[in-house]
N, C-alpha and C. Protein backbone atom coordinates (compact mmCIF):
# COMPACT_ATOMS: atom_id res chain seq x y z
N MET A 1 79.40 -179.07 -150.82
CA MET A 1 78.47 -177.99 -151.61
C MET A 1 79.42 -177.68 -152.72
N THR A 2 78.60 -177.66 -153.94
CA THR A 2 79.41 -177.13 -155.12
C THR A 2 79.06 -175.93 -155.50
N THR A 3 79.92 -175.29 -156.36
CA THR A 3 79.66 -173.91 -156.60
C THR A 3 78.18 -173.64 -157.11
N SER A 4 77.70 -174.63 -158.00
CA SER A 4 76.47 -174.49 -158.49
C SER A 4 75.20 -174.44 -157.46
N GLU A 5 75.36 -174.75 -156.24
CA GLU A 5 74.67 -174.85 -155.05
C GLU A 5 74.39 -173.54 -154.64
N ARG A 6 75.34 -172.69 -154.84
CA ARG A 6 75.27 -171.28 -154.42
C ARG A 6 74.49 -170.56 -155.32
N ARG A 7 73.49 -169.84 -154.96
CA ARG A 7 72.74 -168.95 -156.01
C ARG A 7 73.25 -167.46 -155.72
N GLU A 8 73.42 -166.85 -156.84
CA GLU A 8 73.81 -165.31 -156.89
C GLU A 8 72.34 -164.48 -156.56
N PRO A 9 72.38 -163.71 -155.84
CA PRO A 9 71.18 -162.85 -155.51
C PRO A 9 70.77 -162.39 -157.00
N SER A 10 69.25 -162.10 -157.07
CA SER A 10 68.79 -161.59 -158.14
C SER A 10 69.34 -160.19 -158.52
N THR A 11 69.68 -159.77 -159.70
CA THR A 11 70.23 -158.33 -159.95
C THR A 11 69.15 -157.46 -160.03
N VAL A 12 67.94 -157.74 -159.88
CA VAL A 12 66.60 -156.78 -160.02
C VAL A 12 65.77 -156.96 -158.91
N ALA A 13 66.49 -157.77 -157.72
CA ALA A 13 65.33 -157.90 -156.65
C ALA A 13 65.27 -156.42 -155.75
N GLY A 14 64.05 -156.60 -155.08
CA GLY A 14 63.96 -155.54 -154.06
C GLY A 14 65.10 -155.33 -152.86
N GLU A 15 65.06 -154.56 -152.28
CA GLU A 15 66.11 -154.39 -151.06
C GLU A 15 66.18 -155.48 -150.04
N ARG A 16 65.04 -155.76 -149.66
CA ARG A 16 65.11 -156.88 -148.52
C ARG A 16 65.47 -158.07 -149.21
N GLU A 17 65.01 -158.74 -150.47
CA GLU A 17 65.42 -159.68 -151.15
C GLU A 17 66.75 -159.90 -151.44
N MET A 18 67.34 -158.66 -151.81
CA MET A 18 68.74 -158.51 -152.16
C MET A 18 69.54 -158.53 -151.05
N LEU A 19 69.27 -157.99 -149.78
CA LEU A 19 69.93 -158.23 -148.83
C LEU A 19 69.85 -159.59 -148.24
N ASP A 20 68.96 -160.39 -148.14
CA ASP A 20 68.78 -161.73 -147.67
C ASP A 20 69.60 -162.77 -148.49
N GLY A 21 69.38 -162.33 -150.16
CA GLY A 21 70.45 -163.03 -150.84
C GLY A 21 71.59 -163.19 -150.72
N TRP A 22 72.39 -162.08 -150.53
CA TRP A 22 73.54 -161.87 -150.53
C TRP A 22 74.25 -162.40 -149.08
N LEU A 23 73.21 -162.18 -147.85
CA LEU A 23 73.92 -162.77 -146.98
C LEU A 23 73.66 -164.40 -147.05
N GLU A 24 72.62 -164.96 -147.51
CA GLU A 24 72.61 -166.42 -147.83
C GLU A 24 73.97 -166.73 -148.77
N TYR A 25 74.30 -166.25 -149.71
CA TYR A 25 75.16 -166.58 -150.69
C TYR A 25 76.54 -166.47 -149.91
N HIS A 26 76.84 -165.40 -149.02
CA HIS A 26 78.20 -165.47 -148.32
C HIS A 26 78.17 -166.75 -147.08
N ARG A 27 77.06 -166.85 -146.54
CA ARG A 27 76.71 -168.00 -145.37
C ARG A 27 77.21 -169.37 -146.41
N ASP A 28 76.70 -169.45 -147.85
CA ASP A 28 76.86 -170.58 -148.34
C ASP A 28 78.45 -170.55 -148.82
N THR A 29 78.96 -169.80 -149.13
CA THR A 29 80.25 -169.57 -149.56
C THR A 29 81.25 -170.12 -148.63
N LEU A 30 81.11 -169.67 -147.20
CA LEU A 30 81.97 -170.20 -146.31
C LEU A 30 81.73 -171.69 -146.10
N ALA A 31 80.61 -172.10 -146.12
CA ALA A 31 80.35 -173.64 -146.35
C ALA A 31 80.88 -174.33 -147.13
N TRP A 32 81.04 -173.68 -148.32
CA TRP A 32 81.68 -174.20 -149.64
C TRP A 32 83.32 -174.43 -149.51
N LYS A 33 83.70 -173.36 -148.69
CA LYS A 33 85.14 -173.16 -148.56
C LYS A 33 85.60 -174.32 -147.62
N CYS A 34 84.59 -175.09 -146.68
CA CYS A 34 84.93 -175.92 -145.91
C CYS A 34 84.76 -177.31 -146.60
N ALA A 35 83.86 -177.46 -147.47
CA ALA A 35 83.64 -178.54 -148.18
C ALA A 35 84.66 -179.85 -148.59
N GLY A 36 84.63 -181.01 -148.10
CA GLY A 36 85.51 -182.00 -148.64
C GLY A 36 86.70 -182.07 -147.72
N LEU A 37 86.64 -181.41 -146.86
CA LEU A 37 87.72 -181.36 -145.63
C LEU A 37 87.63 -182.08 -144.58
N ASP A 38 88.59 -182.79 -144.10
CA ASP A 38 88.58 -183.51 -142.81
C ASP A 38 88.90 -182.59 -141.55
N ASP A 39 88.57 -183.20 -140.42
CA ASP A 39 88.65 -182.29 -139.35
C ASP A 39 89.91 -181.76 -139.05
N LYS A 40 91.09 -182.60 -139.30
CA LYS A 40 92.27 -182.05 -139.38
C LYS A 40 92.72 -180.84 -140.27
N GLN A 41 92.22 -180.95 -141.39
CA GLN A 41 92.41 -180.14 -142.45
C GLN A 41 91.73 -178.97 -142.09
N LEU A 42 90.60 -178.92 -141.56
CA LEU A 42 89.78 -177.78 -141.04
C LEU A 42 90.29 -177.17 -139.90
N ARG A 43 91.18 -177.88 -138.97
CA ARG A 43 91.91 -177.17 -137.97
C ARG A 43 93.16 -176.73 -138.40
N GLN A 44 93.66 -176.59 -139.67
CA GLN A 44 94.99 -176.42 -139.89
C GLN A 44 95.07 -174.86 -140.45
N ALA A 45 96.06 -174.33 -139.62
CA ALA A 45 96.49 -172.96 -139.65
C ALA A 45 97.42 -172.80 -140.92
N ALA A 46 96.92 -172.31 -142.04
CA ALA A 46 97.56 -172.32 -143.22
C ALA A 46 98.19 -171.14 -143.64
N ALA A 47 98.38 -170.00 -142.71
CA ALA A 47 99.10 -168.75 -143.16
C ALA A 47 99.77 -168.28 -141.74
N VAL A 48 101.01 -169.10 -141.72
CA VAL A 48 101.77 -168.83 -140.62
C VAL A 48 102.35 -167.49 -140.79
N PRO A 49 102.38 -166.67 -139.72
CA PRO A 49 102.28 -167.11 -138.49
C PRO A 49 100.77 -166.96 -137.68
N SER A 50 99.75 -166.79 -138.49
CA SER A 50 98.49 -166.70 -138.06
C SER A 50 97.98 -168.07 -137.61
N GLY A 51 97.01 -168.03 -136.59
CA GLY A 51 96.57 -169.37 -136.24
C GLY A 51 95.16 -169.54 -136.61
N LEU A 52 94.85 -168.56 -137.97
CA LEU A 52 93.47 -168.82 -138.49
C LEU A 52 93.15 -169.76 -139.21
N THR A 53 92.08 -170.58 -138.86
CA THR A 53 91.81 -171.75 -139.44
C THR A 53 90.25 -171.65 -140.08
N LEU A 54 89.89 -172.56 -140.87
CA LEU A 54 88.67 -172.64 -141.54
C LEU A 54 87.60 -172.89 -140.27
N LEU A 55 87.82 -173.78 -139.51
CA LEU A 55 86.80 -174.45 -138.56
C LEU A 55 86.95 -173.13 -137.49
N GLY A 56 87.89 -172.36 -137.27
CA GLY A 56 87.97 -171.07 -136.46
C GLY A 56 87.10 -169.99 -137.12
N LEU A 57 86.96 -169.92 -138.31
CA LEU A 57 86.14 -168.99 -138.80
C LEU A 57 84.76 -169.31 -138.81
N VAL A 58 84.52 -170.54 -139.02
CA VAL A 58 83.17 -171.01 -138.73
C VAL A 58 82.35 -170.86 -137.34
N ARG A 59 83.35 -171.12 -136.46
CA ARG A 59 83.15 -170.70 -135.09
C ARG A 59 82.73 -169.35 -134.61
N HIS A 60 83.74 -168.80 -135.23
CA HIS A 60 83.78 -167.17 -135.33
C HIS A 60 82.40 -166.52 -135.81
N MET A 61 81.89 -167.08 -136.92
CA MET A 61 80.71 -166.91 -137.54
C MET A 61 79.42 -167.18 -136.91
N ALA A 62 79.64 -168.06 -136.10
CA ALA A 62 78.35 -168.65 -135.44
C ALA A 62 78.31 -167.71 -134.10
N GLU A 63 79.54 -167.24 -133.55
CA GLU A 63 79.32 -166.18 -132.68
C GLU A 63 78.64 -164.88 -133.07
N VAL A 64 79.25 -164.46 -134.23
CA VAL A 64 78.82 -163.37 -134.70
C VAL A 64 77.36 -163.37 -135.03
N GLU A 65 76.84 -164.46 -135.62
CA GLU A 65 75.25 -164.47 -135.91
C GLU A 65 74.60 -164.29 -134.60
N ARG A 66 75.13 -164.85 -133.82
CA ARG A 66 74.70 -165.07 -132.22
C ARG A 66 74.39 -163.63 -131.77
N SER A 67 75.56 -163.06 -131.75
CA SER A 67 75.71 -161.75 -131.39
C SER A 67 74.72 -160.59 -131.86
N TRP A 68 74.81 -160.42 -133.27
CA TRP A 68 73.87 -159.46 -134.08
C TRP A 68 72.51 -159.70 -134.02
N PHE A 69 72.05 -160.97 -134.29
CA PHE A 69 70.70 -161.16 -134.44
C PHE A 69 70.11 -161.43 -133.02
N ARG A 70 70.83 -162.58 -132.06
CA ARG A 70 69.92 -162.81 -130.81
C ARG A 70 70.23 -161.67 -129.84
N ARG A 71 71.49 -161.24 -129.85
CA ARG A 71 71.87 -160.24 -128.70
C ARG A 71 71.51 -158.79 -128.90
N VAL A 72 71.83 -158.41 -130.06
CA VAL A 72 71.66 -156.95 -130.43
C VAL A 72 70.05 -156.79 -130.90
N LEU A 73 69.59 -157.51 -132.13
CA LEU A 73 68.68 -157.25 -132.63
C LEU A 73 67.31 -157.59 -131.68
N ALA A 74 67.54 -158.81 -131.05
CA ALA A 74 66.35 -159.32 -130.28
C ALA A 74 66.54 -159.05 -128.72
N ASP A 75 67.57 -158.71 -128.40
CA ASP A 75 68.19 -158.36 -126.84
C ASP A 75 67.97 -159.65 -126.03
N GLU A 76 68.24 -160.91 -126.76
CA GLU A 76 68.30 -162.09 -126.07
C GLU A 76 69.37 -162.12 -125.22
N ASP A 77 69.13 -162.62 -124.01
CA ASP A 77 70.23 -163.16 -123.24
C ASP A 77 70.97 -164.64 -123.67
N ALA A 78 71.65 -164.41 -124.78
CA ALA A 78 72.49 -165.42 -125.41
C ALA A 78 73.83 -165.18 -125.01
N GLY A 79 74.40 -166.10 -124.33
CA GLY A 79 75.79 -166.07 -123.67
C GLY A 79 76.73 -166.54 -124.86
N PRO A 80 77.97 -166.33 -124.68
CA PRO A 80 78.82 -166.88 -125.82
C PRO A 80 79.00 -168.27 -125.88
N ILE A 81 79.29 -168.69 -127.04
CA ILE A 81 79.39 -170.13 -127.34
C ILE A 81 80.81 -170.55 -127.14
N TYR A 82 81.73 -169.89 -127.65
CA TYR A 82 83.18 -170.45 -127.80
C TYR A 82 84.22 -169.50 -126.94
N TYR A 83 83.69 -168.18 -126.80
CA TYR A 83 84.71 -167.47 -126.18
C TYR A 83 84.18 -167.12 -124.54
N SER A 84 85.29 -166.75 -123.88
CA SER A 84 84.94 -166.29 -122.69
C SER A 84 85.73 -165.12 -122.01
N ASP A 85 85.62 -164.50 -120.97
CA ASP A 85 86.46 -163.45 -120.45
C ASP A 85 87.70 -163.79 -120.19
N ALA A 86 87.99 -164.99 -119.93
CA ALA A 86 89.39 -165.60 -120.03
C ALA A 86 90.08 -165.49 -121.38
N ASP A 87 89.38 -165.90 -122.33
CA ASP A 87 90.00 -166.10 -123.91
C ASP A 87 88.83 -165.25 -124.73
N GLU A 88 88.98 -164.28 -124.96
CA GLU A 88 87.93 -163.34 -125.67
C GLU A 88 88.10 -163.80 -127.26
N ASP A 89 89.03 -164.68 -127.69
CA ASP A 89 89.12 -164.86 -129.07
C ASP A 89 89.09 -166.58 -129.23
N GLY A 90 88.37 -167.01 -128.26
CA GLY A 90 88.22 -168.55 -127.88
C GLY A 90 87.35 -169.08 -129.14
N ASP A 91 86.78 -168.42 -129.98
CA ASP A 91 85.99 -168.83 -131.12
C ASP A 91 87.10 -169.30 -132.21
N PHE A 92 88.12 -168.60 -132.39
CA PHE A 92 89.18 -168.79 -133.23
C PHE A 92 90.01 -170.07 -132.76
N HIS A 93 89.98 -170.22 -131.29
CA HIS A 93 90.96 -171.24 -130.89
C HIS A 93 90.43 -172.54 -130.69
N VAL A 94 90.69 -173.42 -131.83
CA VAL A 94 90.19 -174.70 -131.91
C VAL A 94 91.14 -175.55 -131.26
N GLY A 95 90.61 -176.77 -130.84
CA GLY A 95 91.30 -177.76 -130.20
C GLY A 95 91.17 -179.06 -131.28
N ASP A 96 91.97 -180.32 -130.79
CA ASP A 96 92.00 -181.47 -131.42
C ASP A 96 90.61 -182.19 -131.16
N GLY A 97 89.66 -181.77 -130.30
CA GLY A 97 88.38 -182.35 -130.10
C GLY A 97 87.48 -181.67 -130.86
N ASP A 98 87.62 -180.39 -131.57
CA ASP A 98 86.64 -179.66 -132.05
C ASP A 98 86.46 -180.23 -133.56
N THR A 99 85.05 -180.54 -133.79
CA THR A 99 84.78 -181.20 -134.94
C THR A 99 83.82 -180.44 -136.30
N TRP A 100 83.73 -180.46 -137.25
CA TRP A 100 83.21 -180.03 -138.50
C TRP A 100 81.72 -180.33 -137.77
N THR A 101 81.40 -181.56 -137.63
CA THR A 101 79.83 -181.89 -137.37
C THR A 101 79.47 -181.02 -136.20
N ASP A 102 79.89 -180.94 -135.14
CA ASP A 102 79.34 -180.07 -133.97
C ASP A 102 79.53 -178.89 -134.25
N THR A 103 80.71 -178.08 -134.77
CA THR A 103 80.65 -176.85 -135.28
C THR A 103 79.52 -176.33 -136.34
N TYR A 104 79.76 -177.07 -137.49
CA TYR A 104 78.34 -177.00 -138.61
C TYR A 104 77.00 -176.92 -137.84
N ALA A 105 76.87 -177.79 -136.89
CA ALA A 105 75.42 -178.09 -136.21
C ALA A 105 75.01 -176.49 -135.52
N VAL A 106 76.11 -176.13 -134.77
CA VAL A 106 75.97 -174.91 -133.74
C VAL A 106 75.87 -173.61 -134.95
N TRP A 107 76.53 -173.69 -135.84
CA TRP A 107 76.55 -172.53 -136.75
C TRP A 107 75.11 -172.39 -137.60
N GLN A 108 74.80 -173.56 -137.92
CA GLN A 108 73.41 -173.54 -138.29
C GLN A 108 72.33 -173.30 -137.80
N ALA A 109 72.32 -173.65 -136.67
CA ALA A 109 71.36 -173.28 -135.45
C ALA A 109 71.32 -171.69 -135.33
N GLU A 110 72.55 -171.27 -135.10
CA GLU A 110 72.41 -169.61 -135.17
C GLU A 110 71.90 -169.15 -136.30
N ILE A 111 72.38 -169.39 -137.61
CA ILE A 111 71.83 -169.18 -138.51
C ILE A 111 70.22 -169.11 -138.79
N ALA A 112 69.61 -170.38 -138.32
CA ALA A 112 68.30 -170.51 -138.40
C ALA A 112 67.80 -169.45 -137.28
N ARG A 113 68.35 -169.22 -136.28
CA ARG A 113 67.41 -168.45 -135.22
C ARG A 113 67.67 -166.94 -135.71
N ALA A 114 68.89 -166.60 -136.52
CA ALA A 114 68.93 -165.34 -137.02
C ALA A 114 67.95 -164.93 -138.08
N ARG A 115 67.61 -166.01 -138.89
CA ARG A 115 66.49 -166.01 -140.01
C ARG A 115 65.16 -165.67 -139.31
N GLU A 116 64.93 -166.29 -138.34
CA GLU A 116 63.56 -166.46 -137.76
C GLU A 116 63.55 -164.95 -136.90
N LEU A 117 64.33 -164.50 -136.47
CA LEU A 117 64.34 -162.90 -135.76
C LEU A 117 64.46 -162.01 -137.04
N ALA A 118 64.84 -162.11 -138.06
CA ALA A 118 65.02 -161.13 -138.98
C ALA A 118 63.51 -161.10 -139.92
N ALA A 119 63.18 -162.33 -140.07
CA ALA A 119 61.70 -162.70 -140.86
C ALA A 119 60.57 -161.64 -140.25
N ALA A 120 60.63 -161.51 -138.75
CA ALA A 120 59.79 -160.82 -137.99
C ALA A 120 59.69 -159.15 -138.05
N ARG A 121 60.80 -158.69 -138.78
CA ARG A 121 61.07 -157.09 -138.64
C ARG A 121 61.22 -156.73 -139.88
N SER A 122 60.96 -155.42 -140.19
CA SER A 122 61.53 -154.87 -141.23
C SER A 122 62.79 -154.42 -141.46
N LEU A 123 63.30 -153.83 -142.52
CA LEU A 123 64.56 -153.49 -142.47
C LEU A 123 64.98 -152.13 -141.77
N ASP A 124 63.91 -151.40 -141.22
CA ASP A 124 63.67 -150.04 -140.66
C ASP A 124 63.61 -150.35 -139.16
N ASP A 125 63.27 -151.36 -138.55
CA ASP A 125 63.17 -151.75 -137.24
C ASP A 125 64.40 -151.62 -136.52
N LEU A 126 64.32 -150.92 -135.38
CA LEU A 126 65.74 -150.83 -134.58
C LEU A 126 65.74 -152.09 -133.64
N SER A 127 67.04 -152.25 -133.33
CA SER A 127 67.29 -153.48 -132.49
C SER A 127 66.76 -153.28 -131.11
N ALA A 128 66.45 -154.16 -130.43
CA ALA A 128 65.97 -154.18 -128.80
C ALA A 128 67.00 -154.10 -128.20
N GLY A 129 68.34 -154.28 -128.46
CA GLY A 129 69.36 -154.24 -127.42
C GLY A 129 70.53 -153.62 -128.15
N PRO A 130 71.45 -152.86 -127.48
CA PRO A 130 72.64 -152.21 -127.84
C PRO A 130 73.90 -153.57 -128.14
N ARG A 131 74.82 -152.72 -128.81
CA ARG A 131 76.06 -153.92 -129.15
C ARG A 131 76.47 -154.17 -127.72
N ARG A 132 77.16 -155.24 -127.64
CA ARG A 132 77.62 -155.74 -126.37
C ARG A 132 78.69 -154.63 -125.90
N ASP A 133 79.45 -154.19 -126.48
CA ASP A 133 80.56 -153.44 -126.09
C ASP A 133 80.07 -151.86 -126.31
N SER A 134 79.11 -151.60 -126.46
CA SER A 134 78.55 -150.28 -126.62
C SER A 134 78.47 -149.57 -125.16
N SER A 135 78.98 -148.53 -124.99
CA SER A 135 78.62 -147.63 -123.68
C SER A 135 77.60 -146.82 -123.96
N THR A 136 77.23 -146.61 -125.36
CA THR A 136 76.18 -145.54 -125.50
C THR A 136 74.77 -145.98 -125.46
N GLY A 137 74.63 -147.32 -125.66
CA GLY A 137 73.08 -148.06 -125.83
C GLY A 137 72.73 -147.71 -127.19
N GLU A 138 73.69 -147.42 -128.13
CA GLU A 138 73.08 -147.32 -129.71
C GLU A 138 72.33 -148.44 -130.00
N ARG A 139 71.44 -148.25 -130.93
CA ARG A 139 70.61 -149.25 -131.52
C ARG A 139 70.76 -149.23 -133.00
N PHE A 140 70.53 -150.40 -133.48
CA PHE A 140 70.85 -150.65 -134.94
C PHE A 140 69.75 -150.92 -135.83
N SER A 141 69.44 -150.55 -136.97
CA SER A 141 68.38 -150.94 -137.90
C SER A 141 68.93 -152.14 -138.25
N LEU A 142 67.74 -152.86 -138.62
CA LEU A 142 67.82 -154.46 -139.15
C LEU A 142 68.74 -154.30 -140.68
N ARG A 143 68.40 -153.18 -141.36
CA ARG A 143 69.44 -152.90 -142.28
C ARG A 143 70.71 -152.93 -142.27
N TRP A 144 71.28 -152.03 -141.38
CA TRP A 144 72.54 -152.08 -140.80
C TRP A 144 73.32 -153.44 -140.37
N ILE A 145 72.48 -153.90 -139.74
CA ILE A 145 72.91 -155.41 -139.33
C ILE A 145 73.21 -156.40 -140.46
N TYR A 146 72.09 -156.19 -141.53
CA TYR A 146 72.19 -157.08 -142.55
C TYR A 146 73.59 -156.56 -143.21
N THR A 147 73.81 -155.32 -143.65
CA THR A 147 74.89 -154.76 -144.14
C THR A 147 76.20 -155.33 -143.54
N HIS A 148 76.22 -155.25 -142.30
CA HIS A 148 77.34 -155.55 -141.25
C HIS A 148 77.83 -157.10 -141.69
N MET A 149 76.48 -157.97 -141.58
CA MET A 149 76.71 -159.27 -141.61
C MET A 149 77.43 -159.83 -142.90
N ILE A 150 76.76 -159.19 -143.89
CA ILE A 150 77.53 -159.18 -145.37
C ILE A 150 78.98 -158.84 -145.28
N GLU A 151 79.31 -157.75 -144.86
CA GLU A 151 80.61 -157.54 -144.73
C GLU A 151 81.66 -158.25 -143.98
N GLU A 152 81.10 -158.56 -142.95
CA GLU A 152 81.69 -159.73 -142.08
C GLU A 152 81.83 -160.96 -142.69
N TYR A 153 80.77 -161.34 -143.47
CA TYR A 153 81.28 -162.70 -144.17
C TYR A 153 82.08 -162.56 -145.34
N ALA A 154 81.79 -161.47 -145.92
CA ALA A 154 82.71 -161.14 -147.25
C ALA A 154 84.19 -161.09 -146.85
N ARG A 155 84.61 -160.39 -145.66
CA ARG A 155 85.90 -160.32 -145.35
C ARG A 155 86.60 -161.60 -144.98
N HIS A 156 85.49 -162.54 -144.25
CA HIS A 156 86.24 -163.81 -143.81
C HIS A 156 86.35 -164.92 -144.93
N ASN A 157 85.43 -164.64 -145.92
CA ASN A 157 85.35 -165.42 -146.90
C ASN A 157 86.68 -165.23 -147.78
N GLY A 158 87.27 -164.11 -147.60
CA GLY A 158 88.55 -163.81 -148.22
C GLY A 158 89.60 -164.66 -147.60
N HIS A 159 89.50 -164.51 -146.16
CA HIS A 159 90.59 -165.35 -145.51
C HIS A 159 90.15 -166.93 -145.86
N ALA A 160 89.16 -167.09 -145.89
CA ALA A 160 88.81 -168.85 -146.05
C ALA A 160 89.43 -169.17 -147.63
N ASP A 161 89.50 -168.21 -148.61
CA ASP A 161 89.91 -168.59 -149.91
C ASP A 161 91.42 -169.08 -149.71
N LEU A 162 92.20 -168.13 -148.82
CA LEU A 162 93.62 -168.24 -148.77
C LEU A 162 93.86 -169.36 -148.19
N ILE A 163 93.13 -169.73 -146.85
CA ILE A 163 93.30 -170.79 -146.22
C ILE A 163 93.09 -172.10 -147.09
N ARG A 164 91.96 -172.03 -147.67
CA ARG A 164 91.74 -173.18 -148.47
C ARG A 164 92.59 -173.59 -149.38
N GLU A 165 93.17 -172.57 -150.29
CA GLU A 165 94.23 -172.64 -151.19
C GLU A 165 95.51 -173.31 -150.70
N ALA A 166 95.94 -172.72 -149.38
CA ALA A 166 97.09 -173.44 -148.79
C ALA A 166 96.96 -174.95 -148.30
N ILE A 167 95.90 -175.24 -148.06
CA ILE A 167 95.60 -176.70 -147.60
C ILE A 167 95.68 -177.46 -148.70
N ASP A 168 94.93 -177.25 -149.70
CA ASP A 168 94.87 -178.46 -150.66
C ASP A 168 94.74 -177.81 -152.27
N GLY A 169 95.17 -176.46 -152.56
CA GLY A 169 95.24 -176.07 -153.60
C GLY A 169 93.90 -175.63 -154.34
N VAL A 170 92.71 -175.81 -153.70
CA VAL A 170 91.21 -175.53 -154.27
C VAL A 170 91.08 -174.04 -154.27
N THR A 171 90.77 -173.50 -155.29
CA THR A 171 90.67 -172.11 -155.37
C THR A 171 89.15 -171.92 -156.19
N GLY A 172 88.68 -170.67 -155.79
CA GLY A 172 87.25 -170.54 -156.56
C GLY A 172 86.70 -169.11 -155.98
N ASP A 173 85.62 -168.53 -156.68
CA ASP A 173 85.50 -167.46 -156.09
C ASP A 173 84.45 -167.41 -154.78
């Protein structure tokens, strides 16, 4: 992906279009940060002592998409992809057999399902399910979920900036 393939959201869009646009922009940014690297580079922890990798970030965001849109918004019984009770950070723990091709396909499938579930709802609609770790049963508006997802991607895209620069010197917004 090149920078020109990322489209900045309209500066005059309505709220829904704006939120959709910023979420897509940040999804595209993470893909762009991974573009052109091989599997070994994508598994490279570039900020010692952290074990954070670009592949781990993508796996994590697949889990985040799944959690907020499938589990919380739609109350689907969608178990974890990469983590487990034994390894709650398993999404970040990549191994030699983990590949970009497989990870990207899973991430894109979760994004496609998230888009589908969000399209059927208004921003004011409340989630059908609570957050996984909520003991209160608290529900979330789709607006809140969008805002949280944009924040989550933005934070991790900052990590991706630093990791990518340490791998091969490539920088960019």
